[in-house]
Amino acid sequence: MELLLNSQKVLFGGENLFEFLALQGACERKGIAVAVNEEVIAKEDWLQFALQPGDQILIIQPTQGG
């Protein structure tokens, strides 16, 4: 299925948010927030959250600096 990740089109053959994030290498990152269609998804819900074609996924990671 086709998804949008941080405004970029990506293809994904899996089913859930955890699988998708694992393929992106995001599961190992600390302190990230993930939103699907502008709704933040709690980390404990990633495995059960089913993705649908056209979903818009945003991965946010805080940065330091001023």
N, C-alpha and C. Protein backbone atom coordinates (compact mmCIF):
# COMPACT_ATOMS: atom_id res chain seq x y z
N MET A 1 0.84 -1.18 0.00
CA MET A 1 0.00 0.00 0.00
C MET A 1 0.88 1.24 0.00
N GLU A 2 0.32 2.33 -0.45
CA GLU A 2 1.06 3.59 -0.48
C GLU A 2 0.69 4.43 0.75
N LEU A 3 1.72 4.92 1.43
CA LEU A 3 1.55 5.76 2.61
C LEU A 3 2.36 7.03 2.42
N LEU A 4 2.11 8.01 3.26
CA LEU A 4 2.94 9.21 3.29
C LEU A 4 3.70 9.22 4.61
N LEU A 5 5.02 9.27 4.53
CA LEU A 5 5.87 9.36 5.72
C LEU A 5 6.56 10.71 5.69
N ASN A 6 6.23 11.56 6.65
CA ASN A 6 6.80 12.91 6.69
C ASN A 6 6.71 13.57 5.32
N SER A 7 5.54 13.46 4.70
CA SER A 7 5.20 14.07 3.40
C SER A 7 5.85 13.41 2.19
N GLN A 8 6.49 12.25 2.36
CA GLN A 8 7.11 11.52 1.25
C GLN A 8 6.34 10.22 1.01
N LYS A 9 6.04 9.92 -0.26
CA LYS A 9 5.35 8.67 -0.58
C LYS A 9 6.27 7.48 -0.34
N VAL A 10 5.73 6.45 0.32
CA VAL A 10 6.47 5.21 0.54
C VAL A 10 5.51 4.04 0.31
N LEU A 11 6.06 2.91 -0.11
CA LEU A 11 5.27 1.69 -0.27
C LEU A 11 5.52 0.79 0.92
N PHE A 12 4.46 0.12 1.38
CA PHE A 12 4.55 -0.74 2.55
C PHE A 12 3.68 -1.96 2.32
N GLY A 13 4.25 -3.15 2.54
CA GLY A 13 3.52 -4.39 2.33
C GLY A 13 3.04 -5.04 3.60
N GLY A 14 3.26 -4.41 4.74
CA GLY A 14 2.85 -4.98 6.01
C GLY A 14 1.46 -4.55 6.42
N GLU A 15 1.19 -4.70 7.73
CA GLU A 15 -0.16 -4.43 8.21
C GLU A 15 -0.24 -3.38 9.30
N ASN A 16 0.74 -3.36 10.22
CA ASN A 16 0.55 -2.48 11.37
C ASN A 16 1.66 -1.43 11.50
N LEU A 17 1.41 -0.48 12.36
CA LEU A 17 2.32 0.64 12.55
C LEU A 17 3.68 0.18 13.06
N PHE A 18 3.71 -0.79 13.97
CA PHE A 18 4.98 -1.28 14.49
C PHE A 18 5.86 -1.84 13.37
N GLU A 19 5.28 -2.66 12.50
CA GLU A 19 6.04 -3.21 11.36
C GLU A 19 6.62 -2.10 10.50
N PHE A 20 5.79 -1.10 10.22
CA PHE A 20 6.22 0.01 9.39
C PHE A 20 7.38 0.76 10.04
N LEU A 21 7.23 1.07 11.32
CA LEU A 21 8.28 1.81 12.02
C LEU A 21 9.56 0.99 12.14
N ALA A 22 9.44 -0.32 12.30
CA ALA A 22 10.62 -1.18 12.36
C ALA A 22 11.38 -1.12 11.04
N LEU A 23 10.67 -1.15 9.93
CA LEU A 23 11.32 -1.06 8.62
C LEU A 23 12.02 0.29 8.42
N GLN A 24 11.51 1.32 9.07
CA GLN A 24 12.10 2.65 8.96
C GLN A 24 13.24 2.85 9.96
N GLY A 25 13.47 1.87 10.83
CA GLY A 25 14.50 1.99 11.86
C GLY A 25 14.09 2.91 13.00
N ALA A 26 12.81 3.19 13.11
CA ALA A 26 12.34 4.14 14.12
C ALA A 26 12.08 3.49 15.47
N CYS A 27 11.90 2.19 15.53
CA CYS A 27 11.57 1.54 16.80
C CYS A 27 12.71 1.63 17.81
N GLU A 28 13.94 1.73 17.32
CA GLU A 28 15.09 1.78 18.22
C GLU A 28 15.35 3.20 18.74
N ARG A 29 14.77 4.19 18.09
CA ARG A 29 15.01 5.58 18.50
C ARG A 29 14.28 5.89 19.80
N LYS A 30 14.92 6.64 20.65
CA LYS A 30 14.31 7.04 21.92
C LYS A 30 13.68 8.42 21.77
N GLY A 31 12.60 8.64 22.46
CA GLY A 31 12.00 9.96 22.52
C GLY A 31 11.26 10.42 21.28
N ILE A 32 10.79 9.49 20.46
CA ILE A 32 10.05 9.91 19.27
C ILE A 32 8.55 9.91 19.56
N ALA A 33 7.84 10.68 18.78
CA ALA A 33 6.38 10.67 18.78
C ALA A 33 5.93 10.32 17.37
N VAL A 34 4.86 9.55 17.28
CA VAL A 34 4.35 9.14 15.97
C VAL A 34 2.88 9.51 15.89
N ALA A 35 2.53 10.17 14.79
CA ALA A 35 1.13 10.52 14.53
C ALA A 35 0.71 9.89 13.21
N VAL A 36 -0.52 9.42 13.17
CA VAL A 36 -1.12 8.90 11.94
C VAL A 36 -2.37 9.73 11.68
N ASN A 37 -2.40 10.37 10.52
CA ASN A 37 -3.52 11.23 10.16
C ASN A 37 -3.80 12.27 11.26
N GLU A 38 -2.72 12.86 11.75
CA GLU A 38 -2.75 13.94 12.75
C GLU A 38 -3.20 13.51 14.13
N GLU A 39 -3.19 12.21 14.41
CA GLU A 39 -3.53 11.69 15.74
C GLU A 39 -2.31 10.97 16.30
N VAL A 40 -1.83 11.43 17.47
CA VAL A 40 -0.67 10.80 18.09
C VAL A 40 -1.06 9.40 18.55
N ILE A 41 -0.19 8.42 18.22
CA ILE A 41 -0.42 7.03 18.59
C ILE A 41 0.57 6.66 19.69
N ALA A 42 0.05 6.23 20.83
CA ALA A 42 0.90 5.84 21.96
C ALA A 42 1.76 4.63 21.57
N LYS A 43 2.98 4.60 22.08
CA LYS A 43 3.92 3.53 21.73
C LYS A 43 3.34 2.14 22.03
N GLU A 44 2.60 2.02 23.12
CA GLU A 44 2.03 0.71 23.47
C GLU A 44 0.94 0.27 22.50
N ASP A 45 0.48 1.17 21.63
CA ASP A 45 -0.56 0.83 20.65
C ASP A 45 -0.02 0.56 19.24
N TRP A 46 1.28 0.74 19.03
CA TRP A 46 1.85 0.59 17.69
C TRP A 46 1.58 -0.79 17.09
N LEU A 47 1.68 -1.84 17.89
CA LEU A 47 1.53 -3.20 17.37
C LEU A 47 0.09 -3.47 16.92
N GLN A 48 -0.88 -2.90 17.60
CA GLN A 48 -2.28 -3.15 17.27
C GLN A 48 -2.84 -2.17 16.24
N PHE A 49 -2.11 -1.09 15.95
CA PHE A 49 -2.64 -0.05 15.07
C PHE A 49 -2.49 -0.47 13.61
N ALA A 50 -3.62 -0.77 12.95
CA ALA A 50 -3.62 -1.20 11.55
C ALA A 50 -3.53 0.02 10.64
N LEU A 51 -2.63 -0.05 9.68
CA LEU A 51 -2.48 1.03 8.71
C LEU A 51 -3.40 0.79 7.52
N GLN A 52 -3.83 1.88 6.90
CA GLN A 52 -4.71 1.84 5.74
C GLN A 52 -4.03 2.58 4.59
N PRO A 53 -4.30 2.19 3.34
CA PRO A 53 -3.72 2.92 2.22
C PRO A 53 -4.02 4.42 2.32
N GLY A 54 -3.00 5.22 2.06
CA GLY A 54 -3.16 6.66 2.09
C GLY A 54 -2.93 7.31 3.44
N ASP A 55 -2.70 6.49 4.48
CA ASP A 55 -2.43 7.07 5.80
C ASP A 55 -1.23 8.00 5.74
N GLN A 56 -1.30 9.07 6.52
CA GLN A 56 -0.22 10.03 6.63
C GLN A 56 0.46 9.84 7.97
N ILE A 57 1.72 9.45 7.94
CA ILE A 57 2.48 9.15 9.15
C ILE A 57 3.53 10.23 9.35
N LEU A 58 3.59 10.73 10.57
CA LEU A 58 4.57 11.75 10.92
C LEU A 58 5.39 11.24 12.09
N ILE A 59 6.71 11.18 11.92
CA ILE A 59 7.62 10.80 12.99
C ILE A 59 8.33 12.06 13.45
N ILE A 60 8.20 12.35 14.74
CA ILE A 60 8.79 13.56 15.30
C ILE A 60 9.83 13.17 16.34
N GLN A 61 11.01 13.77 16.24
CA GLN A 61 12.07 13.53 17.21
C GLN A 61 12.59 14.89 17.67
N PRO A 62 12.57 15.14 18.98
CA PRO A 62 13.06 16.43 19.46
C PRO A 62 14.56 16.59 19.21
N THR A 63 14.97 17.83 19.03
CA THR A 63 16.38 18.14 18.86
C THR A 63 16.80 19.14 19.93
N GLN A 64 18.08 19.14 20.22
CA GLN A 64 18.62 20.09 21.20
C GLN A 64 19.16 21.30 20.49
N GLY A 65 19.24 22.35 21.20
CA GLY A 65 19.81 23.56 20.61
C GLY A 65 18.96 24.76 20.95
N GLY A 66 19.38 25.88 20.47
CA GLY A 66 18.65 27.08 20.83
C GLY A 66 18.60 28.07 19.79
